[in-house]
Protein backbone atom coordinates (compact mmCIF):
# COMPACT_ATOMS: atom_id res chain seq x y z
CA UNK A 1 0.00 0.00 0.00
CA UNK A 2 1.25 3.52 -0.74
CA UNK A 3 0.04 6.53 1.27
CA UNK A 4 -0.47 10.12 0.07
CA UNK A 5 3.09 11.03 1.09
CA UNK A 6 4.55 8.31 -1.12
CA UNK A 7 5.49 5.91 1.69
CA UNK A 8 5.09 2.21 0.91
CA UNK A 9 3.90 -0.21 3.61
CA UNK A 10 3.64 -3.97 3.81
CA UNK A 11 2.16 -6.20 6.48
CA UNK A 12 3.04 -9.49 8.07
CA UNK A 13 6.11 -10.26 5.97
CA UNK A 14 7.16 -13.76 6.98
CA UNK A 15 4.64 -13.77 9.83
CA UNK A 16 6.77 -11.25 11.70
CA UNK A 17 3.77 -9.59 13.42
CA UNK A 18 4.85 -6.15 12.33
CA UNK A 19 4.17 -3.49 9.74
CA UNK A 20 7.09 -2.75 7.47
CA UNK A 21 7.73 0.48 5.56
CA UNK A 22 9.86 1.16 2.50
CA UNK A 23 11.03 4.23 0.62
CA UNK A 24 10.07 4.32 -3.05
CA UNK A 25 12.92 5.17 -5.41
CA UNK A 26 12.58 7.39 -8.49
CA UNK A 27 12.43 4.25 -10.63
CA UNK A 28 9.66 2.74 -8.47
CA UNK A 29 11.96 0.31 -6.66
CA UNK A 30 11.57 -0.26 -2.92
CA UNK A 31 14.46 0.46 -0.55
CA UNK A 32 15.30 1.30 3.07
CA UNK A 33 13.18 -1.50 4.54
CA UNK A 34 12.35 -0.74 8.18
CA UNK A 35 9.93 -1.75 10.91
CA UNK A 36 7.20 0.89 11.07
CA UNK A 37 5.24 -0.70 13.95
CA UNK A 38 5.46 -3.85 16.02
CA UNK A 39 2.11 -5.65 16.23
CA UNK A 40 2.88 -7.72 19.34
CA UNK A 41 0.43 -10.61 19.58
CA UNK A 42 -1.68 -9.23 16.72
CA UNK A 43 -1.83 -10.93 13.32
CA UNK A 44 -1.81 -8.15 10.69
CA UNK A 45 -3.52 -9.20 7.47
CA UNK A 46 -4.75 -6.27 5.42
CA UNK A 47 -3.80 -2.62 5.57
CA UNK A 48 -5.27 0.76 4.61
CA UNK A 49 -4.93 4.49 5.25
CA UNK A 50 -7.82 6.63 6.54
CA UNK A 51 -8.71 10.24 5.59
CA UNK A 52 -6.41 11.54 8.38
CA UNK A 53 -3.44 9.60 7.00
CA UNK A 54 -3.42 7.02 9.81
CA UNK A 55 -2.51 3.44 8.90
CA UNK A 56 -4.97 0.72 9.98
CA UNK A 57 -4.57 -3.05 9.80
CA UNK A 58 -6.91 -5.99 10.14
CA UNK A 59 -5.96 -8.20 13.10
CA UNK A 60 -7.41 -11.48 11.89
CA UNK A 61 -6.51 -13.59 14.93
CA UNK A 62 -8.24 -11.20 17.32
CA UNK A 63 -11.10 -10.25 14.94
CA UNK A 64 -10.61 -6.49 15.04
CA UNK A 65 -9.17 -3.51 13.18
CA UNK A 66 -6.27 -1.60 14.74
CA UNK A 67 -5.06 1.95 14.13
CA UNK A 68 -1.27 1.65 13.88
CA UNK A 69 0.67 3.68 16.44
CA UNK A 70 4.13 3.44 14.91
CA UNK A 71 5.70 6.00 12.66
CA UNK A 72 2.88 8.51 13.07
PDB file of N, CA and C in Angstrom:
ATOM      1  N   UNK A   1       0.844  -1.147   0.000  1.00  0.00           N
ATOM      2  CA  UNK A   1       0.000   0.000   0.000  1.00  0.00           C
ATOM      3  C   UNK A   1       0.904   1.229   0.000  1.00  0.00           C
ATOM      4  N   UNK A   2       0.500   2.274  -0.701  1.00  0.00           N
ATOM      5  CA  UNK A   2       1.255   3.523  -0.742  1.00  0.00           C
ATOM      6  C   UNK A   2       0.352   4.634  -0.229  1.00  0.00           C
ATOM      7  N   UNK A   3       0.852   5.434   0.731  1.00  0.00           N
ATOM      8  CA  UNK A   3       0.044   6.531   1.272  1.00  0.00           C
ATOM      9  C   UNK A   3       0.220   7.798   0.445  1.00  0.00           C
ATOM     10  N   UNK A   4      -0.489   8.862   0.821  1.00  0.00           N
ATOM     11  CA  UNK A   4      -0.473  10.121   0.070  1.00  0.00           C
ATOM     12  C   UNK A   4       0.899  10.786   0.055  1.00  0.00           C
ATOM     13  N   UNK A   5       1.747  10.458   1.022  1.00  0.00           N
ATOM     14  CA  UNK A   5       3.092  11.033   1.087  1.00  0.00           C
ATOM     15  C   UNK A   5       4.113  10.226   0.296  1.00  0.00           C
ATOM     16  N   UNK A   6       3.653   9.128  -0.317  1.00  0.00           N
ATOM     17  CA  UNK A   6       4.551   8.308  -1.120  1.00  0.00           C
ATOM     18  C   UNK A   6       5.300   7.253  -0.335  1.00  0.00           C
ATOM     19  N   UNK A   7       4.870   6.966   0.896  1.00  0.00           N
ATOM     20  CA  UNK A   7       5.486   5.906   1.692  1.00  0.00           C
ATOM     21  C   UNK A   7       4.822   4.579   1.349  1.00  0.00           C
ATOM     22  N   UNK A   8       5.618   3.540   1.190  1.00  0.00           N
ATOM     23  CA  UNK A   8       5.091   2.208   0.910  1.00  0.00           C
ATOM     24  C   UNK A   8       5.097   1.396   2.197  1.00  0.00           C
ATOM     25  N   UNK A   9       4.019   0.631   2.420  1.00  0.00           N
ATOM     26  CA  UNK A   9       3.896  -0.208   3.612  1.00  0.00           C
ATOM     27  C   UNK A   9       3.561  -1.630   3.197  1.00  0.00           C
ATOM     28  N   UNK A  10       4.002  -2.570   3.997  1.00  0.00           N
ATOM     29  CA  UNK A  10       3.644  -3.971   3.814  1.00  0.00           C
ATOM     30  C   UNK A  10       3.301  -4.532   5.183  1.00  0.00           C
ATOM     31  N   UNK A  11       2.559  -5.607   5.201  1.00  0.00           N
ATOM     32  CA  UNK A  11       2.158  -6.199   6.477  1.00  0.00           C
ATOM     33  C   UNK A  11       2.563  -7.654   6.548  1.00  0.00           C
ATOM     34  N   UNK A  12       2.875  -8.081   7.749  1.00  0.00           N
ATOM     35  CA  UNK A  12       3.044  -9.492   8.071  1.00  0.00           C
ATOM     36  C   UNK A  12       4.010 -10.222   7.147  1.00  0.00           C
ATOM     37  N   UNK A  13       5.110  -9.595   6.798  1.00  0.00           N
ATOM     38  CA  UNK A  13       6.110 -10.255   5.965  1.00  0.00           C
ATOM     39  C   UNK A  13       6.738 -11.393   6.767  1.00  0.00           C
ATOM     40  N   UNK A  14       6.596 -12.600   6.292  1.00  0.00           N
ATOM     41  CA  UNK A  14       7.160 -13.756   6.980  1.00  0.00           C
ATOM     42  C   UNK A  14       6.564 -13.994   8.357  1.00  0.00           C
ATOM     43  N   UNK A  15       5.329 -13.605   8.544  1.00  0.00           N
ATOM     44  CA  UNK A  15       4.643 -13.774   9.829  1.00  0.00           C
ATOM     45  C   UNK A  15       5.426 -13.131  10.967  1.00  0.00           C
ATOM     46  N   UNK A  16       5.963 -11.955  10.716  1.00  0.00           N
ATOM     47  CA  UNK A  16       6.768 -11.249  11.702  1.00  0.00           C
ATOM     48  C   UNK A  16       5.967 -10.413  12.675  1.00  0.00           C
ATOM     49  N   UNK A  17       4.637 -10.375  12.542  1.00  0.00           N
ATOM     50  CA  UNK A  17       3.765  -9.593  13.424  1.00  0.00           C
ATOM     51  C   UNK A  17       4.214  -8.144  13.522  1.00  0.00           C
ATOM     52  N   UNK A  18       4.442  -7.548  12.373  1.00  0.00           N
ATOM     53  CA  UNK A  18       4.851  -6.145  12.328  1.00  0.00           C
ATOM     54  C   UNK A  18       4.418  -5.538  11.009  1.00  0.00           C
ATOM     55  N   UNK A  19       4.395  -4.226  10.981  1.00  0.00           N
ATOM     56  CA  UNK A  19       4.168  -3.488   9.742  1.00  0.00           C
ATOM     57  C   UNK A  19       5.520  -2.969   9.286  1.00  0.00           C
ATOM     58  N   UNK A  20       5.803  -3.135   8.033  1.00  0.00           N
ATOM     59  CA  UNK A  20       7.087  -2.754   7.468  1.00  0.00           C
ATOM     60  C   UNK A  20       6.875  -1.618   6.480  1.00  0.00           C
ATOM     61  N   UNK A  21       7.793  -0.648   6.483  1.00  0.00           N
ATOM     62  CA  UNK A  21       7.726   0.484   5.557  1.00  0.00           C
ATOM     63  C   UNK A  21       8.948   0.473   4.651  1.00  0.00           C
ATOM     64  N   UNK A  22       8.787   1.054   3.481  1.00  0.00           N
ATOM     65  CA  UNK A  22       9.863   1.163   2.501  1.00  0.00           C
ATOM     66  C   UNK A  22       9.838   2.559   1.900  1.00  0.00           C
ATOM     67  N   UNK A  23      10.984   3.046   1.465  1.00  0.00           N
ATOM     68  CA  UNK A  23      11.033   4.232   0.623  1.00  0.00           C
ATOM     69  C   UNK A  23      10.843   3.764  -0.813  1.00  0.00           C
ATOM     70  N   UNK A  24      10.253   4.628  -1.636  1.00  0.00           N
ATOM     71  CA  UNK A  24      10.074   4.316  -3.050  1.00  0.00           C
ATOM     72  C   UNK A  24      11.056   5.157  -3.847  1.00  0.00           C
ATOM     73  N   UNK A  25      11.919   4.483  -4.604  1.00  0.00           N
ATOM     74  CA  UNK A  25      12.923   5.174  -5.407  1.00  0.00           C
ATOM     75  C   UNK A  25      12.317   5.826  -6.640  1.00  0.00           C
ATOM     76  N   UNK A  26      13.063   6.711  -7.286  1.00  0.00           N
ATOM     77  CA  UNK A  26      12.584   7.391  -8.493  1.00  0.00           C
ATOM     78  C   UNK A  26      12.162   6.428  -9.602  1.00  0.00           C
ATOM     79  N   UNK A  27      12.773   5.244  -9.613  1.00  0.00           N
ATOM     80  CA  UNK A  27      12.432   4.247 -10.631  1.00  0.00           C
ATOM     81  C   UNK A  27      11.318   3.305 -10.183  1.00  0.00           C
ATOM     82  N   UNK A  28      10.741   3.570  -8.991  1.00  0.00           N
ATOM     83  CA  UNK A  28       9.662   2.738  -8.468  1.00  0.00           C
ATOM     84  C   UNK A  28      10.128   1.575  -7.619  1.00  0.00           C
ATOM     85  N   UNK A  29      11.437   1.408  -7.477  1.00  0.00           N
ATOM     86  CA  UNK A  29      11.956   0.309  -6.661  1.00  0.00           C
ATOM     87  C   UNK A  29      11.782   0.633  -5.177  1.00  0.00           C
ATOM     88  N   UNK A  30      11.704  -0.418  -4.367  1.00  0.00           N
ATOM     89  CA  UNK A  30      11.573  -0.257  -2.921  1.00  0.00           C
ATOM     90  C   UNK A  30      12.933  -0.365  -2.264  1.00  0.00           C
ATOM     91  N   UNK A  31      13.194   0.494  -1.278  1.00  0.00           N
ATOM     92  CA  UNK A  31      14.457   0.462  -0.554  1.00  0.00           C
ATOM     93  C   UNK A  31      14.264   0.920   0.876  1.00  0.00           C
ATOM     94  N   UNK A  32      15.319   0.889   1.667  1.00  0.00           N
ATOM     95  CA  UNK A  32      15.301   1.299   3.072  1.00  0.00           C
ATOM     96  C   UNK A  32      14.177   0.613   3.847  1.00  0.00           C
ATOM     97  N   UNK A  33      14.172  -0.718   3.794  1.00  0.00           N
ATOM     98  CA  UNK A  33      13.176  -1.495   4.541  1.00  0.00           C
ATOM     99  C   UNK A  33      13.377  -1.260   6.029  1.00  0.00           C
ATOM    100  N   UNK A  34      12.274  -0.989   6.741  1.00  0.00           N
ATOM    101  CA  UNK A  34      12.354  -0.744   8.178  1.00  0.00           C
ATOM    102  C   UNK A  34      11.043  -1.136   8.847  1.00  0.00           C
ATOM    103  N   UNK A  35      11.125  -1.459  10.128  1.00  0.00           N
ATOM    104  CA  UNK A  35       9.928  -1.753  10.912  1.00  0.00           C
ATOM    105  C   UNK A  35       9.240  -0.430  11.212  1.00  0.00           C
ATOM    106  N   UNK A  36       7.982  -0.316  10.821  1.00  0.00           N
ATOM    107  CA  UNK A  36       7.197   0.888  11.067  1.00  0.00           C
ATOM    108  C   UNK A  36       6.440   0.759  12.384  1.00  0.00           C
ATOM    109  N   UNK A  37       5.945  -0.452  12.682  1.00  0.00           N
ATOM    110  CA  UNK A  37       5.240  -0.695  13.946  1.00  0.00           C
ATOM    111  C   UNK A  37       5.292  -2.177  14.275  1.00  0.00           C
ATOM    112  N   UNK A  38       5.545  -2.480  15.524  1.00  0.00           N
ATOM    113  CA  UNK A  38       5.457  -3.855  16.018  1.00  0.00           C
ATOM    114  C   UNK A  38       3.997  -4.139  16.350  1.00  0.00           C
ATOM    115  N   UNK A  39       3.505  -5.309  15.989  1.00  0.00           N
ATOM    116  CA  UNK A  39       2.107  -5.652  16.226  1.00  0.00           C
ATOM    117  C   UNK A  39       1.923  -6.541  17.452  1.00  0.00           C
ATOM    118  N   UNK A  40       3.006  -6.900  18.138  1.00  0.00           N
ATOM    119  CA  UNK A  40       2.882  -7.721  19.342  1.00  0.00           C
ATOM    120  C   UNK A  40       2.219  -9.047  19.041  1.00  0.00           C
ATOM    121  N   UNK A  41       1.145  -9.348  19.762  1.00  0.00           N
ATOM    122  CA  UNK A  41       0.428 -10.610  19.585  1.00  0.00           C
ATOM    123  C   UNK A  41      -0.617 -10.534  18.475  1.00  0.00           C
ATOM    124  N   UNK A  42      -0.727  -9.374  17.811  1.00  0.00           N
ATOM    125  CA  UNK A  42      -1.684  -9.227  16.716  1.00  0.00           C
ATOM    126  C   UNK A  42      -1.205  -9.996  15.487  1.00  0.00           C
ATOM    127  N   UNK A  43      -2.119 -10.214  14.565  1.00  0.00           N
ATOM    128  CA  UNK A  43      -1.833 -10.934  13.321  1.00  0.00           C
ATOM    129  C   UNK A  43      -2.246 -10.055  12.142  1.00  0.00           C
ATOM    130  N   UNK A  44      -1.425  -9.063  11.766  1.00  0.00           N
ATOM    131  CA  UNK A  44      -1.806  -8.149  10.686  1.00  0.00           C
ATOM    132  C   UNK A  44      -2.043  -8.882   9.367  1.00  0.00           C
ATOM    133  N   UNK A  45      -3.188  -8.600   8.756  1.00  0.00           N
ATOM    134  CA  UNK A  45      -3.522  -9.200   7.469  1.00  0.00           C
ATOM    135  C   UNK A  45      -4.490  -8.265   6.757  1.00  0.00           C
ATOM    136  N   UNK A  46      -3.959  -7.299   6.080  1.00  0.00           N
ATOM    137  CA  UNK A  46      -4.754  -6.270   5.419  1.00  0.00           C
ATOM    138  C   UNK A  46      -4.364  -4.924   5.993  1.00  0.00           C
ATOM    139  N   UNK A  47      -4.297  -3.921   5.143  1.00  0.00           N
ATOM    140  CA  UNK A  47      -3.802  -2.620   5.574  1.00  0.00           C
ATOM    141  C   UNK A  47      -4.467  -1.534   4.730  1.00  0.00           C
ATOM    142  N   UNK A  48      -4.717  -0.369   5.343  1.00  0.00           N
ATOM    143  CA  UNK A  48      -5.274   0.764   4.606  1.00  0.00           C
ATOM    144  C   UNK A  48      -4.903   2.054   5.331  1.00  0.00           C
ATOM    145  N   UNK A  49      -5.175   3.173   4.673  1.00  0.00           N
ATOM    146  CA  UNK A  49      -4.928   4.495   5.250  1.00  0.00           C
ATOM    147  C   UNK A  49      -6.256   5.228   5.300  1.00  0.00           C
ATOM    148  N   UNK A  50      -6.571   5.882   6.444  1.00  0.00           N
ATOM    149  CA  UNK A  50      -7.822   6.633   6.542  1.00  0.00           C
ATOM    150  C   UNK A  50      -7.646   8.069   6.047  1.00  0.00           C
ATOM    151  N   UNK A  51      -8.712   8.859   6.105  1.00  0.00           N
ATOM    152  CA  UNK A  51      -8.705  10.235   5.595  1.00  0.00           C
ATOM    153  C   UNK A  51      -7.725  11.135   6.342  1.00  0.00           C
ATOM    154  N   UNK A  52      -7.365  10.760   7.580  1.00  0.00           N
ATOM    155  CA  UNK A  52      -6.411  11.538   8.375  1.00  0.00           C
ATOM    156  C   UNK A  52      -4.970  11.103   8.127  1.00  0.00           C
ATOM    157  N   UNK A  53      -4.782  10.096   7.295  1.00  0.00           N
ATOM    158  CA  UNK A  53      -3.445   9.602   7.000  1.00  0.00           C
ATOM    159  C   UNK A  53      -2.945   8.543   7.963  1.00  0.00           C
ATOM    160  N   UNK A  54      -3.807   8.068   8.861  1.00  0.00           N
ATOM    161  CA  UNK A  54      -3.417   7.023   9.810  1.00  0.00           C
ATOM    162  C   UNK A  54      -3.501   5.652   9.137  1.00  0.00           C
ATOM    163  N   UNK A  55      -2.550   4.798   9.447  1.00  0.00           N
ATOM    164  CA  UNK A  55      -2.513   3.444   8.900  1.00  0.00           C
ATOM    165  C   UNK A  55      -3.295   2.514   9.827  1.00  0.00           C
ATOM    166  N   UNK A  56      -4.185   1.724   9.252  1.00  0.00           N
ATOM    167  CA  UNK A  56      -4.970   0.722   9.975  1.00  0.00           C
ATOM    168  C   UNK A  56      -4.615  -0.653   9.428  1.00  0.00           C
ATOM    169  N   UNK A  57      -4.720  -1.676  10.292  1.00  0.00           N
ATOM    170  CA  UNK A  57      -4.567  -3.046   9.802  1.00  0.00           C
ATOM    171  C   UNK A  57      -5.640  -3.936  10.399  1.00  0.00           C
ATOM    172  N   UNK A  58      -5.971  -4.986   9.659  1.00  0.00           N
ATOM    173  CA  UNK A  58      -6.912  -5.990  10.139  1.00  0.00           C
ATOM    174  C   UNK A  58      -6.131  -7.000  10.966  1.00  0.00           C
ATOM    175  N   UNK A  59      -6.557  -7.204  12.205  1.00  0.00           N
ATOM    176  CA  UNK A  59      -5.958  -8.199  13.096  1.00  0.00           C
ATOM    177  C   UNK A  59      -6.860  -9.426  13.059  1.00  0.00           C
ATOM    178  N   UNK A  60      -6.553 -10.340  12.153  1.00  0.00           N
ATOM    179  CA  UNK A  60      -7.412 -11.482  11.893  1.00  0.00           C
ATOM    180  C   UNK A  60      -7.557 -12.385  13.114  1.00  0.00           C
ATOM    181  N   UNK A  61      -6.461 -12.684  13.784  1.00  0.00           N
ATOM    182  CA  UNK A  61      -6.507 -13.595  14.927  1.00  0.00           C
ATOM    183  C   UNK A  61      -7.374 -13.093  16.068  1.00  0.00           C
ATOM    184  N   UNK A  62      -7.457 -11.788  16.232  1.00  0.00           N
ATOM    185  CA  UNK A  62      -8.242 -11.203  17.325  1.00  0.00           C
ATOM    186  C   UNK A  62      -9.539 -10.562  16.839  1.00  0.00           C
ATOM    187  N   UNK A  63      -9.846 -10.725  15.542  1.00  0.00           N
ATOM    188  CA  UNK A  63     -11.100 -10.253  14.941  1.00  0.00           C
ATOM    189  C   UNK A  63     -11.377  -8.782  15.221  1.00  0.00           C
ATOM    190  N   UNK A  64     -10.434  -7.924  14.823  1.00  0.00           N
ATOM    191  CA  UNK A  64     -10.605  -6.490  15.039  1.00  0.00           C
ATOM    192  C   UNK A  64      -9.751  -5.711  14.039  1.00  0.00           C
ATOM    193  N   UNK A  65     -10.000  -4.420  13.970  1.00  0.00           N
ATOM    194  CA  UNK A  65      -9.170  -3.506  13.184  1.00  0.00           C
ATOM    195  C   UNK A  65      -8.406  -2.623  14.155  1.00  0.00           C
ATOM    196  N   UNK A  66      -7.153  -2.330  13.836  1.00  0.00           N
ATOM    197  CA  UNK A  66      -6.268  -1.596  14.738  1.00  0.00           C
ATOM    198  C   UNK A  66      -5.682  -0.400  14.006  1.00  0.00           C
ATOM    199  N   UNK A  67      -5.725   0.765  14.669  1.00  0.00           N
ATOM    200  CA  UNK A  67      -5.055   1.946  14.127  1.00  0.00           C
ATOM    201  C   UNK A  67      -3.601   1.865  14.559  1.00  0.00           C
ATOM    202  N   UNK A  68      -2.692   1.796  13.582  1.00  0.00           N
ATOM    203  CA  UNK A  68      -1.268   1.654  13.879  1.00  0.00           C
ATOM    204  C   UNK A  68      -0.726   2.854  14.623  1.00  0.00           C
ATOM    205  N   UNK A  69       0.102   2.606  15.622  1.00  0.00           N
ATOM    206  CA  UNK A  69       0.668   3.679  16.435  1.00  0.00           C
ATOM    207  C   UNK A  69       2.066   4.059  15.986  1.00  0.00           C
ATOM    208  N   UNK A  70       2.749   3.174  15.290  1.00  0.00           N
ATOM    209  CA  UNK A  70       4.133   3.438  14.915  1.00  0.00           C
ATOM    210  C   UNK A  70       4.264   4.434  13.785  1.00  0.00           C
ATOM    211  N   UNK A  71       5.373   5.135  13.769  1.00  0.00           N
ATOM    212  CA  UNK A  71       5.699   6.000  12.659  1.00  0.00           C
ATOM    213  C   UNK A  71       4.808   7.198  12.448  1.00  0.00           C
ATOM    214  N   UNK A  72       3.831   7.410  13.257  1.00  0.00           N
ATOM    215  CA  UNK A  72       2.883   8.513  13.071  1.00  0.00           C
ATOM    216  C   UNK A  72       2.487   9.097  14.396  1.00  0.00           C
TER     217      UNK A  72
END
